[in-house]
Amino acid sequence: MNRRFELGLPVLSFLLTGIGLLAVYSAGGSVHLIRQLLFLPVAVACATVAFLTPRRLLYGIAEWLYAFSLLLLILVLFVGTGPGSNRWFAFGPLLFQPSELAKLATAILLAKVLSIRRDVTLSFRDLAVPVAIALAPALLIMAEPDLSTASVFAVLLSAMLYWRGLRPLYLLLLFMPVISFAAGFSLITWIPFFVLLAIIVFVRLRVLRALSALAVSLIFGLLSPVVLSMLKEYQRERIRSFFAPWFDPHGLSWNAIQSQIAIGSGRILGKGLFHGTQKRLGFLPNRHTDFIFSVIGEETGLVGSLILLGLFAALVHRILRIGRFCRDQFGTLLCIGFATIIAYQVFTNVGMLLGILPITGISLPFVSYGGSSLVLNFTLVGLTLNVAVRPE
């Protein structure tokens, strides 16, 4: 691994952070910019510690780090703060979100567990421990409630299991109840999904196993309306606005529609830095956090948006490439997990603002305002550099 290649990760990270600082200032003013700048040295320090930590030590403390993250997730349910949820620990004007630490700790422990039997192909029976590792923090985060962040753990588990060699059919069976549950919020989407699923499992599985899989999927699909009635009002509104975005443009769908208007109004070159009208007139909600890509799209246009997405693609590609050249499976799986966390958050954040996914609370890595997220992302980069210079 050459030196120039290793420098690519921090360069890309600081470029993305620089873009984020400009966007945060444009969207939220100097107060949010100063707070974000306060977290930047902390993030760089965490990245440095992660880079210098011997990977054997990281391997040895994986369970302890994971247990500590679960403890914080339990504590935040009782003493946490947040609008309509308990997601943050408050330290004066600064907030810490323990779910960010949980992402890191879960990725590390999954990498350790999945690398223990490196020469054995995974079967469906080997999934109990990895599923439990991912499920525990996901359930605690759902209790906050924060469904969007909880979904990160399902995608993280899927990617690492697939890279470890689990057959795609087993992945489908593993997440079939979850997909059926999500599709069950709308009968129009659930029926085609269930028919396609029935065809796949009957072609690839024996009749008894196929019927069992379909029965479980059917039960979870039928539970969707029940769970929908138990969700908080803002969560139900997000789901309704996704399936019928123009049904209530001044109410349920306001955020999604204003986001698309902002991005579309930027056209090719944008309206100019600090000159976004949707942002300035207050039409764009949460513009310095979850909706910051809309600010960038409005002010820098299609060109600026594509440059930003290109930087993210380059970052994820470098992380995956470092994992590919690593000689031990623990390091490789770490890189797979880190790349998945970043890529999924970018895809989800941009997808919701373009209207192809429901509005969620997932931030844009390195760019959105948020100290906990910034610290996590720089720590991921530091650990990836650790793998790059110590391929072991």
Protein backbone atom coordinates (compact mmCIF):
# COMPACT_ATOMS: atom_id res chain seq x y z
CA MET A 1 0.00 0.00 0.00
CA ASN A 2 1.74 3.18 -1.13
CA ARG A 3 1.91 6.41 0.85
CA ARG A 4 0.03 8.48 -1.71
CA PHE A 5 -2.88 6.05 -1.56
CA GLU A 6 -2.96 6.27 2.24
CA LEU A 7 -3.17 10.08 2.14
CA GLY A 8 -6.29 9.92 -0.02
CA LEU A 9 -8.59 9.12 2.90
CA PRO A 10 -7.73 12.09 5.13
CA VAL A 11 -7.68 14.42 2.13
CA LEU A 12 -11.17 13.32 1.08
CA SER A 13 -12.39 13.51 4.68
CA PHE A 14 -11.20 17.09 5.11
CA LEU A 15 -12.59 18.10 1.72
CA LEU A 16 -16.02 16.77 2.68
CA THR A 17 -15.78 18.41 6.09
CA GLY A 18 -14.80 21.73 4.50
CA ILE A 19 -17.82 21.57 2.21
CA GLY A 20 -19.93 20.74 5.24
CA LEU A 21 -18.64 23.72 7.22
CA LEU A 22 -19.49 26.09 4.36
CA ALA A 23 -22.95 24.54 4.04
CA VAL A 24 -23.56 24.65 7.81
CA TYR A 25 -22.62 28.34 7.88
CA SER A 26 -24.86 29.04 4.90
CA ALA A 27 -27.77 27.11 6.39
CA GLY A 28 -27.46 27.75 10.12
CA GLY A 29 -25.25 30.78 10.62
CA SER A 30 -22.15 31.36 12.71
CA VAL A 31 -23.49 29.77 15.91
CA HIS A 32 -23.78 26.30 14.36
CA LEU A 33 -20.50 26.78 12.49
CA ILE A 34 -18.62 27.53 15.72
CA ARG A 35 -20.14 24.51 17.47
CA GLN A 36 -19.17 22.28 14.56
CA LEU A 37 -15.64 23.71 14.58
CA LEU A 38 -15.37 22.88 18.28
CA PHE A 39 -15.94 19.20 17.49
CA LEU A 40 -13.43 19.09 14.63
CA PRO A 41 -10.28 18.89 16.84
CA VAL A 42 -12.01 16.21 18.92
CA ALA A 43 -12.81 14.26 15.75
CA VAL A 44 -9.22 14.54 14.49
CA ALA A 45 -7.90 13.46 17.91
CA CYS A 46 -10.16 10.39 17.88
CA ALA A 47 -9.01 9.55 14.36
CA THR A 48 -5.38 9.82 15.50
CA VAL A 49 -5.97 7.53 18.48
CA ALA A 50 -7.77 5.04 16.22
CA PHE A 51 -4.89 5.16 13.75
CA LEU A 52 -2.25 4.51 16.44
CA THR A 53 -4.16 1.79 18.32
CA PRO A 54 -2.74 -1.70 17.62
CA ARG A 55 -5.38 -3.76 15.87
CA ARG A 56 -4.80 -6.66 18.26
CA LEU A 57 -5.81 -4.37 21.11
CA LEU A 58 -8.92 -3.33 19.20
CA TYR A 59 -9.68 -7.01 18.62
CA GLY A 60 -9.29 -7.70 22.34
CA ILE A 61 -11.56 -4.91 23.59
CA ALA A 62 -14.31 -5.39 20.99
CA GLU A 63 -16.77 -6.94 23.47
CA TRP A 64 -16.07 -4.28 26.12
CA LEU A 65 -16.57 -1.42 23.67
CA TYR A 66 -19.80 -3.00 22.48
CA ALA A 67 -21.07 -3.52 26.05
CA PHE A 68 -20.23 0.11 26.90
CA SER A 69 -22.18 1.34 23.87
CA LEU A 70 -25.21 -0.74 24.93
CA LEU A 71 -24.98 0.71 28.43
CA LEU A 72 -25.06 4.24 27.00
CA LEU A 73 -28.05 3.33 24.82
CA ILE A 74 -29.90 2.10 27.92
CA LEU A 75 -28.98 5.20 29.94
CA VAL A 76 -30.10 7.61 27.23
CA LEU A 77 -33.60 6.13 27.40
CA PHE A 78 -33.89 7.45 30.97
CA VAL A 79 -31.80 10.63 31.04
CA GLY A 80 -31.59 11.55 27.37
CA THR A 81 -33.04 14.60 25.69
CA GLY A 82 -34.44 15.49 22.30
CA PRO A 83 -37.62 16.68 20.58
CA GLY A 84 -40.12 13.85 21.04
CA SER A 85 -37.40 11.29 21.73
CA ASN A 86 -34.47 10.41 24.00
CA ARG A 87 -31.49 10.35 21.62
CA TRP A 88 -28.86 12.66 23.11
CA PHE A 89 -26.89 13.29 26.28
CA ALA A 90 -26.76 17.03 26.89
CA PHE A 91 -23.54 18.68 28.13
CA GLY A 92 -24.50 22.32 28.22
CA PRO A 93 -24.95 23.49 24.62
CA LEU A 94 -23.23 20.35 23.29
CA LEU A 95 -25.02 17.07 22.59
CA PHE A 96 -23.68 13.52 22.32
CA GLN A 97 -25.61 10.81 20.48
CA PRO A 98 -24.64 7.33 21.78
CA SER A 99 -26.08 5.59 18.71
CA GLU A 100 -23.04 6.86 16.77
CA LEU A 101 -20.71 4.98 19.12
CA ALA A 102 -22.97 1.93 18.82
CA LYS A 103 -22.46 1.86 15.04
CA LEU A 104 -18.70 1.75 15.50
CA ALA A 105 -18.75 -0.81 18.33
CA THR A 106 -21.16 -3.10 16.47
CA ALA A 107 -19.06 -3.03 13.30
CA ILE A 108 -15.92 -3.92 15.28
CA LEU A 109 -17.55 -6.81 17.17
CA LEU A 110 -19.20 -8.19 14.03
CA ALA A 111 -15.81 -8.09 12.30
CA LYS A 112 -14.28 -10.04 15.18
CA VAL A 113 -17.03 -12.67 15.37
CA LEU A 114 -17.19 -13.22 11.61
CA SER A 115 -13.40 -13.52 11.32
CA ILE A 116 -12.96 -16.22 13.96
CA ARG A 117 -13.81 -19.15 11.64
CA ARG A 118 -12.26 -17.62 8.56
CA ASP A 119 -12.01 -20.84 6.53
CA VAL A 120 -15.58 -22.00 7.16
CA THR A 121 -18.41 -21.03 4.83
CA LEU A 122 -21.29 -19.51 6.75
CA SER A 123 -24.57 -21.40 6.89
CA PHE A 124 -27.98 -20.32 8.14
CA ARG A 125 -27.20 -21.91 11.52
CA ASP A 126 -24.19 -19.62 12.04
CA LEU A 127 -26.30 -16.45 12.06
CA ALA A 128 -27.59 -16.45 15.64
CA VAL A 129 -24.66 -14.59 17.22
CA PRO A 130 -24.15 -11.96 14.46
CA VAL A 131 -27.90 -11.29 14.33
CA ALA A 132 -28.04 -10.87 18.11
CA ILE A 133 -25.09 -8.46 18.02
CA ALA A 134 -26.81 -6.23 15.46
CA LEU A 135 -30.30 -6.63 16.91
CA ALA A 136 -29.53 -5.50 20.47
CA PRO A 137 -28.47 -1.90 19.66
CA ALA A 138 -31.11 -1.66 16.92
CA LEU A 139 -33.91 -2.47 19.38
CA LEU A 140 -32.60 -0.01 21.97
CA ILE A 141 -32.38 2.73 19.33
CA MET A 142 -35.89 1.93 18.12
CA ALA A 143 -37.07 2.47 21.70
CA GLU A 144 -35.74 6.07 21.69
CA PRO A 145 -37.46 6.10 19.08
CA ASP A 146 -35.13 6.44 16.07
CA LEU A 147 -36.14 3.96 13.37
CA SER A 148 -33.87 5.43 10.70
CA THR A 149 -30.68 4.97 12.72
CA ALA A 150 -31.80 1.48 13.74
CA SER A 151 -31.99 0.53 10.06
CA VAL A 152 -28.23 1.14 9.74
CA PHE A 153 -27.55 -1.99 11.79
CA ALA A 154 -29.61 -4.22 9.47
CA VAL A 155 -27.72 -2.98 6.41
CA LEU A 156 -24.38 -3.24 8.23
CA LEU A 157 -25.10 -6.86 9.18
CA SER A 158 -26.23 -7.72 5.64
CA ALA A 159 -23.12 -6.32 3.98
CA MET A 160 -20.70 -8.01 6.37
CA LEU A 161 -22.49 -11.36 6.13
CA TYR A 162 -22.53 -11.17 2.34
CA TRP A 163 -18.82 -10.34 2.20
CA ARG A 164 -18.14 -13.20 4.61
CA GLY A 165 -19.69 -15.60 2.10
CA LEU A 166 -23.31 -16.05 3.18
CA ARG A 167 -25.50 -17.09 0.24
CA PRO A 168 -27.83 -14.35 -1.07
CA LEU A 169 -30.81 -16.67 -0.58
CA TYR A 170 -30.02 -16.96 3.13
CA LEU A 171 -29.78 -13.18 3.36
CA LEU A 172 -33.20 -12.94 1.74
CA LEU A 173 -34.64 -15.44 4.23
CA LEU A 174 -33.02 -13.58 7.12
CA PHE A 175 -34.47 -10.19 6.22
CA MET A 176 -37.65 -11.39 4.53
CA PRO A 177 -39.82 -10.68 7.61
CA VAL A 178 -38.37 -7.16 7.89
CA ILE A 179 -38.97 -6.42 4.20
CA SER A 180 -42.48 -7.84 4.39
CA PHE A 181 -43.18 -5.74 7.46
CA ALA A 182 -42.00 -2.55 5.72
CA ALA A 183 -43.92 -3.33 2.54
CA GLY A 184 -47.03 -4.10 4.59
CA PHE A 185 -47.59 -0.42 5.31
CA SER A 186 -49.09 -0.24 1.83
CA LEU A 187 -51.16 -3.06 0.30
CA ILE A 188 -50.15 -1.91 -3.18
CA THR A 189 -46.47 -2.57 -2.44
CA TRP A 190 -46.94 -5.64 -0.25
CA ILE A 191 -48.91 -7.82 -2.70
CA PRO A 192 -46.31 -7.71 -5.55
CA PHE A 193 -43.53 -8.28 -3.00
CA PHE A 194 -45.26 -11.32 -1.53
CA VAL A 195 -45.96 -12.85 -4.96
CA LEU A 196 -42.33 -12.36 -6.05
CA LEU A 197 -41.12 -13.79 -2.76
CA ALA A 198 -43.33 -16.86 -3.14
CA ILE A 199 -41.90 -17.56 -6.59
CA ILE A 200 -38.30 -17.26 -5.35
CA VAL A 201 -38.63 -19.47 -2.28
CA PHE A 202 -40.63 -22.21 -4.02
CA VAL A 203 -38.07 -22.37 -6.83
CA ARG A 204 -35.06 -22.49 -4.49
CA LEU A 205 -36.36 -24.29 -1.37
CA ARG A 206 -38.19 -27.45 -0.46
CA VAL A 207 -41.95 -27.12 -0.04
CA LEU A 208 -42.01 -27.29 3.77
CA ARG A 209 -39.25 -24.71 4.19
CA ALA A 210 -40.84 -22.47 1.57
CA LEU A 211 -44.21 -22.59 3.32
CA SER A 212 -42.56 -21.83 6.68
CA ALA A 213 -40.70 -18.85 5.24
CA LEU A 214 -43.84 -17.48 3.59
CA ALA A 215 -45.87 -17.96 6.77
CA VAL A 216 -43.39 -15.91 8.80
CA SER A 217 -43.33 -13.23 6.11
CA LEU A 218 -47.13 -13.15 5.97
CA ILE A 219 -47.39 -12.70 9.74
CA PHE A 220 -44.95 -9.79 9.74
CA GLY A 221 -46.75 -8.19 6.80
CA LEU A 222 -50.09 -8.40 8.60
CA LEU A 223 -48.53 -6.85 11.71
CA SER A 224 -47.63 -3.65 9.84
CA PRO A 225 -51.02 -1.90 10.28
CA VAL A 226 -51.00 -2.78 13.98
CA VAL A 227 -47.53 -1.32 14.49
CA LEU A 228 -48.45 1.70 12.37
CA SER A 229 -51.19 2.55 14.85
CA MET A 230 -48.64 2.37 17.70
CA LEU A 231 -46.09 4.72 16.11
CA LYS A 232 -45.76 8.34 17.09
CA GLU A 233 -47.67 10.81 14.94
CA TYR A 234 -44.59 12.24 13.20
CA GLN A 235 -43.48 8.72 12.23
CA ARG A 236 -46.89 7.91 10.75
CA GLU A 237 -46.83 11.21 8.87
CA ARG A 238 -43.48 10.38 7.28
CA ILE A 239 -44.76 7.02 6.05
CA ARG A 240 -47.99 8.50 4.68
CA SER A 241 -46.19 11.35 2.94
CA PHE A 242 -43.85 8.88 1.22
CA PHE A 243 -46.68 6.84 -0.33
CA ALA A 244 -48.76 9.94 -1.19
CA PRO A 245 -46.35 12.91 -1.39
CA TRP A 246 -48.82 15.38 -2.93
CA PHE A 247 -51.85 14.42 -0.85
CA ASP A 248 -51.14 17.12 1.76
CA PRO A 249 -48.43 19.44 0.33
CA HIS A 250 -48.87 22.00 3.13
CA GLY A 251 -48.81 19.44 5.92
CA LEU A 252 -47.52 15.87 5.85
CA SER A 253 -45.45 16.26 2.66
CA TRP A 254 -44.14 19.78 3.24
CA ASN A 255 -40.56 18.77 4.09
CA ALA A 256 -40.13 16.38 1.16
CA ILE A 257 -41.67 18.78 -1.37
CA GLN A 258 -39.65 21.80 -0.22
CA SER A 259 -36.47 19.73 -0.38
CA GLN A 260 -37.16 18.72 -3.99
CA ILE A 261 -38.06 22.31 -4.91
CA ALA A 262 -34.77 23.54 -3.42
CA ILE A 263 -32.67 20.97 -5.28
CA GLY A 264 -34.54 21.49 -8.55
CA SER A 265 -34.32 25.28 -8.37
CA GLY A 266 -30.51 25.05 -8.27
CA ARG A 267 -30.50 23.72 -11.85
CA ILE A 268 -27.03 23.22 -13.36
CA LEU A 269 -24.76 25.70 -11.56
CA GLY A 270 -26.90 26.76 -8.60
CA LYS A 271 -27.92 30.15 -7.25
CA GLY A 272 -24.53 30.85 -5.72
CA LEU A 273 -23.02 30.14 -2.32
CA PHE A 274 -25.07 31.70 0.53
CA HIS A 275 -27.81 32.76 -1.93
CA GLY A 276 -30.35 29.94 -1.59
CA THR A 277 -33.88 31.34 -1.49
CA GLN A 278 -35.66 28.26 -0.11
CA LYS A 279 -33.21 28.28 2.77
CA ARG A 280 -33.24 32.03 3.34
CA LEU A 281 -37.05 32.31 3.31
CA GLY A 282 -37.36 29.48 5.84
CA PHE A 283 -39.15 26.99 3.58
CA LEU A 284 -36.48 24.32 4.09
CA PRO A 285 -36.67 22.50 7.48
CA ASN A 286 -33.63 21.29 9.45
CA ARG A 287 -31.49 22.81 6.73
CA HIS A 288 -28.19 22.57 8.64
CA THR A 289 -28.69 18.89 9.60
CA ASP A 290 -30.71 16.29 7.71
CA PHE A 291 -31.61 18.61 4.79
CA ILE A 292 -28.18 20.09 4.17
CA PHE A 293 -27.84 18.36 0.79
CA SER A 294 -30.84 20.39 -0.37
CA VAL A 295 -28.98 23.58 0.57
CA ILE A 296 -25.94 22.42 -1.39
CA GLY A 297 -28.10 21.43 -4.36
CA GLU A 298 -29.85 24.80 -4.42
CA GLU A 299 -26.69 26.89 -4.07
CA THR A 300 -24.24 24.86 -6.20
CA GLY A 301 -26.64 23.12 -8.59
CA LEU A 302 -26.25 19.79 -10.31
CA VAL A 303 -22.51 20.31 -10.77
CA GLY A 304 -21.85 20.90 -7.08
CA SER A 305 -24.11 18.02 -6.04
CA LEU A 306 -22.34 15.59 -8.38
CA ILE A 307 -18.93 16.74 -7.14
CA LEU A 308 -20.03 16.07 -3.56
CA LEU A 309 -21.38 12.62 -4.44
CA GLY A 310 -18.19 11.91 -6.38
CA LEU A 311 -16.12 12.66 -3.28
CA PHE A 312 -18.25 10.25 -1.26
CA ALA A 313 -17.89 7.57 -3.95
CA ALA A 314 -14.10 8.03 -3.94
CA LEU A 315 -14.01 7.77 -0.14
CA VAL A 316 -16.05 4.56 -0.05
CA HIS A 317 -14.01 3.09 -2.92
CA ARG A 318 -10.73 3.74 -1.10
CA ILE A 319 -12.01 2.16 2.11
CA LEU A 320 -13.12 -0.95 0.20
CA ARG A 321 -9.82 -1.10 -1.66
CA ILE A 322 -7.84 -0.95 1.57
CA GLY A 323 -9.99 -3.80 2.91
CA ARG A 324 -9.33 -5.82 -0.23
CA PHE A 325 -5.55 -5.58 0.21
CA CYS A 326 -5.63 -6.38 3.93
CA ARG A 327 -4.16 -9.78 4.72
CA ASP A 328 -6.30 -10.60 7.76
CA GLN A 329 -10.05 -11.02 7.66
CA PHE A 330 -10.67 -8.89 10.75
CA GLY A 331 -9.19 -5.84 9.02
CA THR A 332 -11.05 -6.60 5.80
CA LEU A 333 -14.39 -6.89 7.59
CA LEU A 334 -13.71 -3.66 9.48
CA CYS A 335 -13.34 -1.85 6.16
CA ILE A 336 -16.50 -3.47 4.78
CA GLY A 337 -18.43 -2.34 7.84
CA PHE A 338 -17.08 1.21 7.75
CA ALA A 339 -17.73 1.61 4.02
CA THR A 340 -21.27 0.29 4.51
CA ILE A 341 -22.06 2.76 7.30
CA ILE A 342 -20.93 5.73 5.22
CA ALA A 343 -22.43 4.56 1.91
CA TYR A 344 -25.81 3.68 3.42
CA GLN A 345 -26.13 7.02 5.18
CA VAL A 346 -25.25 8.92 2.01
CA PHE A 347 -27.70 6.86 -0.05
CA THR A 348 -30.51 7.24 2.49
CA ASN A 349 -29.99 10.95 3.11
CA VAL A 350 -29.81 11.89 -0.57
CA GLY A 351 -32.58 9.43 -1.48
CA MET A 352 -35.04 10.92 0.98
CA LEU A 353 -34.34 14.47 -0.22
CA LEU A 354 -34.89 13.42 -3.84
CA GLY A 355 -38.18 11.75 -2.92
CA ILE A 356 -37.20 8.15 -3.67
CA LEU A 357 -37.11 7.19 0.05
CA PRO A 358 -39.21 8.22 3.06
CA ILE A 359 -38.04 11.22 5.07
CA THR A 360 -35.82 9.96 7.90
CA GLY A 361 -33.44 11.43 10.44
CA ILE A 362 -30.20 10.13 8.93
CA SER A 363 -27.52 12.78 8.47
CA LEU A 364 -25.03 13.22 5.63
CA PRO A 365 -21.58 12.01 6.82
CA PHE A 366 -18.93 14.72 7.33
CA VAL A 367 -21.31 17.35 5.93
CA SER A 368 -24.37 17.61 8.19
CA TYR A 369 -24.15 19.56 11.42
CA GLY A 370 -23.56 17.22 14.36
CA GLY A 371 -20.54 16.63 16.55
CA SER A 372 -21.21 12.97 17.35
CA SER A 373 -21.50 12.09 13.68
CA LEU A 374 -18.32 14.01 12.81
CA VAL A 375 -16.36 12.21 15.53
CA LEU A 376 -17.66 8.82 14.37
CA ASN A 377 -16.79 9.43 10.73
CA PHE A 378 -13.25 10.60 11.47
CA THR A 379 -12.77 7.62 13.78
CA LEU A 380 -13.83 5.30 10.95
CA VAL A 381 -11.22 6.95 8.72
CA GLY A 382 -8.55 6.60 11.42
CA LEU A 383 -9.27 2.89 11.84
CA THR A 384 -9.24 2.38 8.07
CA LEU A 385 -5.80 4.04 7.88
CA ASN A 386 -4.77 1.69 10.68
CA VAL A 387 -5.70 -1.25 8.44
CA ALA A 388 -3.90 0.33 5.47
CA VAL A 389 -0.50 0.77 7.14
CA ARG A 390 -0.73 -2.43 9.19
CA PRO A 391 -2.15 -5.02 6.76
CA GLU A 392 -0.84 -7.80 9.09
